[in-house]
Amino acid sequence: MKDSLYEKICLLTMNRVFGYKPAVAHALIRSLGSAGNVFKLDETGLEQALGPFSRWKTSLCQAELDVS
């Protein structure tokens, strides 16, 4: 199955956000089913997935997708 363009953009953005910590990105994708689902989370969902003090919480947003 081929990934959609949106899914590819989400994967690229996660690669840029997480940099040298790909295990975190892979865990989120495994947990939520796709990279696109990560970017559908609201602030509360991100806090539940990453923890309330995560430095990445604010970087997983539409603005970052637009940059990618």
N, C-alpha and C. Protein backbone atom coordinates (compact mmCIF):
# COMPACT_ATOMS: atom_id res chain seq x y z
N MET A 1 0.84 -1.18 0.00
CA MET A 1 0.00 0.00 0.00
C MET A 1 0.89 1.25 0.00
N LYS A 2 0.58 2.18 -0.84
CA LYS A 2 1.36 3.42 -0.91
C LYS A 2 0.83 4.43 0.10
N ASP A 3 1.77 5.16 0.69
CA ASP A 3 1.38 6.21 1.62
C ASP A 3 0.85 7.40 0.86
N SER A 4 -0.11 8.08 1.46
CA SER A 4 -0.62 9.30 0.86
C SER A 4 0.41 10.41 1.00
N LEU A 5 0.25 11.44 0.23
CA LEU A 5 1.15 12.59 0.31
C LEU A 5 1.10 13.19 1.72
N TYR A 6 -0.09 13.28 2.30
CA TYR A 6 -0.22 13.82 3.65
C TYR A 6 0.57 12.99 4.66
N GLU A 7 0.47 11.66 4.54
CA GLU A 7 1.19 10.78 5.45
C GLU A 7 2.70 10.96 5.30
N LYS A 8 3.17 11.12 4.08
CA LYS A 8 4.60 11.34 3.84
C LYS A 8 5.05 12.66 4.46
N ILE A 9 4.23 13.69 4.32
CA ILE A 9 4.57 14.99 4.92
C ILE A 9 4.62 14.87 6.44
N CYS A 10 3.68 14.13 7.01
CA CYS A 10 3.68 13.93 8.46
C CYS A 10 4.93 13.18 8.90
N LEU A 11 5.33 12.15 8.16
CA LEU A 11 6.54 11.41 8.48
C LEU A 11 7.78 12.29 8.39
N LEU A 12 7.85 13.10 7.35
CA LEU A 12 8.99 14.02 7.20
C LEU A 12 9.05 15.03 8.35
N THR A 13 7.89 15.53 8.74
CA THR A 13 7.83 16.49 9.83
C THR A 13 8.27 15.84 11.14
N MET A 14 7.80 14.63 11.38
CA MET A 14 8.21 13.94 12.60
C MET A 14 9.71 13.67 12.61
N ASN A 15 10.26 13.36 11.46
CA ASN A 15 11.70 13.17 11.36
C ASN A 15 12.45 14.46 11.71
N ARG A 16 11.93 15.57 11.24
CA ARG A 16 12.56 16.87 11.54
C ARG A 16 12.40 17.23 13.02
N VAL A 17 11.22 16.98 13.57
CA VAL A 17 10.95 17.34 14.97
C VAL A 17 11.76 16.47 15.93
N PHE A 18 11.77 15.16 15.71
CA PHE A 18 12.41 14.24 16.65
C PHE A 18 13.89 14.04 16.38
N GLY A 19 14.36 14.38 15.19
CA GLY A 19 15.78 14.32 14.89
C GLY A 19 16.42 13.00 15.26
N TYR A 20 17.31 13.04 16.25
CA TYR A 20 18.07 11.85 16.64
C TYR A 20 17.35 10.99 17.67
N LYS A 21 16.06 11.17 17.82
CA LYS A 21 15.26 10.36 18.75
C LYS A 21 14.14 9.65 17.98
N PRO A 22 14.48 8.85 16.96
CA PRO A 22 13.42 8.23 16.16
C PRO A 22 12.58 7.22 16.93
N ALA A 23 13.08 6.69 18.02
CA ALA A 23 12.30 5.71 18.79
C ALA A 23 11.01 6.33 19.31
N VAL A 24 11.05 7.61 19.67
CA VAL A 24 9.84 8.29 20.16
C VAL A 24 8.82 8.38 19.03
N ALA A 25 9.27 8.78 17.85
CA ALA A 25 8.37 8.90 16.70
C ALA A 25 7.77 7.55 16.34
N HIS A 26 8.60 6.51 16.32
CA HIS A 26 8.11 5.17 15.97
C HIS A 26 7.09 4.68 17.01
N ALA A 27 7.32 4.96 18.27
CA ALA A 27 6.39 4.55 19.32
C ALA A 27 5.05 5.25 19.16
N LEU A 28 5.07 6.54 18.84
CA LEU A 28 3.82 7.27 18.61
C LEU A 28 3.05 6.70 17.42
N ILE A 29 3.76 6.43 16.34
CA ILE A 29 3.12 5.89 15.14
C ILE A 29 2.52 4.51 15.44
N ARG A 30 3.28 3.66 16.14
CA ARG A 30 2.76 2.34 16.51
C ARG A 30 1.51 2.47 17.38
N SER A 31 1.56 3.38 18.32
CA SER A 31 0.45 3.56 19.26
C SER A 31 -0.80 4.12 18.59
N LEU A 32 -0.61 5.07 17.67
CA LEU A 32 -1.75 5.78 17.07
C LEU A 32 -2.13 5.28 15.68
N GLY A 33 -1.30 4.44 15.08
CA GLY A 33 -1.66 3.84 13.81
C GLY A 33 -1.06 4.49 12.59
N SER A 34 -0.74 5.78 12.66
CA SER A 34 -0.13 6.47 11.52
C SER A 34 0.45 7.80 11.97
N ALA A 35 1.34 8.32 11.17
CA ALA A 35 1.92 9.63 11.48
C ALA A 35 0.85 10.72 11.39
N GLY A 36 -0.08 10.56 10.46
CA GLY A 36 -1.17 11.53 10.32
C GLY A 36 -2.01 11.63 11.58
N ASN A 37 -2.20 10.49 12.25
CA ASN A 37 -2.99 10.50 13.48
C ASN A 37 -2.29 11.26 14.60
N VAL A 38 -0.97 11.29 14.58
CA VAL A 38 -0.22 12.06 15.58
C VAL A 38 -0.59 13.53 15.47
N PHE A 39 -0.69 14.04 14.26
CA PHE A 39 -0.98 15.46 14.05
C PHE A 39 -2.45 15.80 14.21
N LYS A 40 -3.29 14.80 14.40
CA LYS A 40 -4.71 15.03 14.67
C LYS A 40 -4.99 15.22 16.15
N LEU A 41 -4.00 14.90 16.99
CA LEU A 41 -4.18 15.02 18.43
C LEU A 41 -4.27 16.48 18.85
N ASP A 42 -5.13 16.76 19.81
CA ASP A 42 -5.16 18.10 20.40
C ASP A 42 -4.12 18.15 21.52
N GLU A 43 -4.05 19.26 22.21
CA GLU A 43 -3.02 19.43 23.25
C GLU A 43 -3.14 18.39 24.35
N THR A 44 -4.36 18.07 24.73
CA THR A 44 -4.57 17.06 25.76
C THR A 44 -4.09 15.69 25.30
N GLY A 45 -4.39 15.34 24.06
CA GLY A 45 -3.96 14.06 23.51
C GLY A 45 -2.44 13.97 23.43
N LEU A 46 -1.80 15.07 23.05
CA LEU A 46 -0.34 15.08 23.00
C LEU A 46 0.26 14.94 24.39
N GLU A 47 -0.36 15.58 25.38
CA GLU A 47 0.12 15.45 26.76
C GLU A 47 0.00 14.01 27.23
N GLN A 48 -1.09 13.35 26.88
CA GLN A 48 -1.27 11.96 27.27
C GLN A 48 -0.26 11.05 26.59
N ALA A 49 0.03 11.34 25.32
CA ALA A 49 0.95 10.49 24.55
C ALA A 49 2.41 10.74 24.91
N LEU A 50 2.76 12.01 25.14
CA LEU A 50 4.16 12.38 25.34
C LEU A 50 4.52 12.74 26.78
N GLY A 51 3.54 13.07 27.58
CA GLY A 51 3.79 13.56 28.93
C GLY A 51 3.66 15.07 28.95
N PRO A 52 3.26 15.61 30.08
CA PRO A 52 2.99 17.05 30.16
C PRO A 52 4.22 17.94 30.02
N PHE A 53 5.40 17.40 30.23
CA PHE A 53 6.61 18.23 30.18
C PHE A 53 7.46 17.96 28.94
N SER A 54 6.88 17.33 27.96
CA SER A 54 7.61 16.98 26.74
C SER A 54 8.01 18.22 25.96
N ARG A 55 9.24 18.25 25.51
CA ARG A 55 9.71 19.39 24.71
C ARG A 55 9.16 19.33 23.29
N TRP A 56 8.64 18.17 22.87
CA TRP A 56 8.14 18.01 21.51
C TRP A 56 6.66 18.36 21.37
N LYS A 57 5.98 18.50 22.47
CA LYS A 57 4.53 18.69 22.46
C LYS A 57 4.10 19.87 21.58
N THR A 58 4.80 20.96 21.66
CA THR A 58 4.42 22.15 20.89
C THR A 58 4.88 22.09 19.43
N SER A 59 5.75 21.15 19.12
CA SER A 59 6.27 21.05 17.75
C SER A 59 5.42 20.15 16.85
N LEU A 60 4.50 19.41 17.42
CA LEU A 60 3.65 18.52 16.63
C LEU A 60 2.34 19.24 16.33
N CYS A 61 2.41 20.19 15.39
CA CYS A 61 1.25 21.04 15.09
C CYS A 61 1.19 21.34 13.59
N GLN A 62 0.11 21.96 13.19
CA GLN A 62 -0.12 22.29 11.78
C GLN A 62 0.98 23.23 11.24
N ALA A 63 1.44 24.14 12.05
CA ALA A 63 2.49 25.07 11.58
C ALA A 63 3.74 24.31 11.15
N GLU A 64 4.10 23.28 11.87
CA GLU A 64 5.27 22.46 11.50
C GLU A 64 5.01 21.68 10.21
N LEU A 65 3.78 21.22 10.03
CA LEU A 65 3.42 20.54 8.78
C LEU A 65 3.54 21.50 7.61
N ASP A 66 3.11 22.74 7.81
CA ASP A 66 3.20 23.75 6.74
C ASP A 66 4.64 24.01 6.32
N VAL A 67 5.56 23.99 7.28
CA VAL A 67 6.97 24.19 6.98
C VAL A 67 7.49 23.05 6.13
N SER A 68 7.02 21.82 6.43
CA SER A 68 7.49 20.66 5.67
C SER A 68 6.92 20.68 4.27
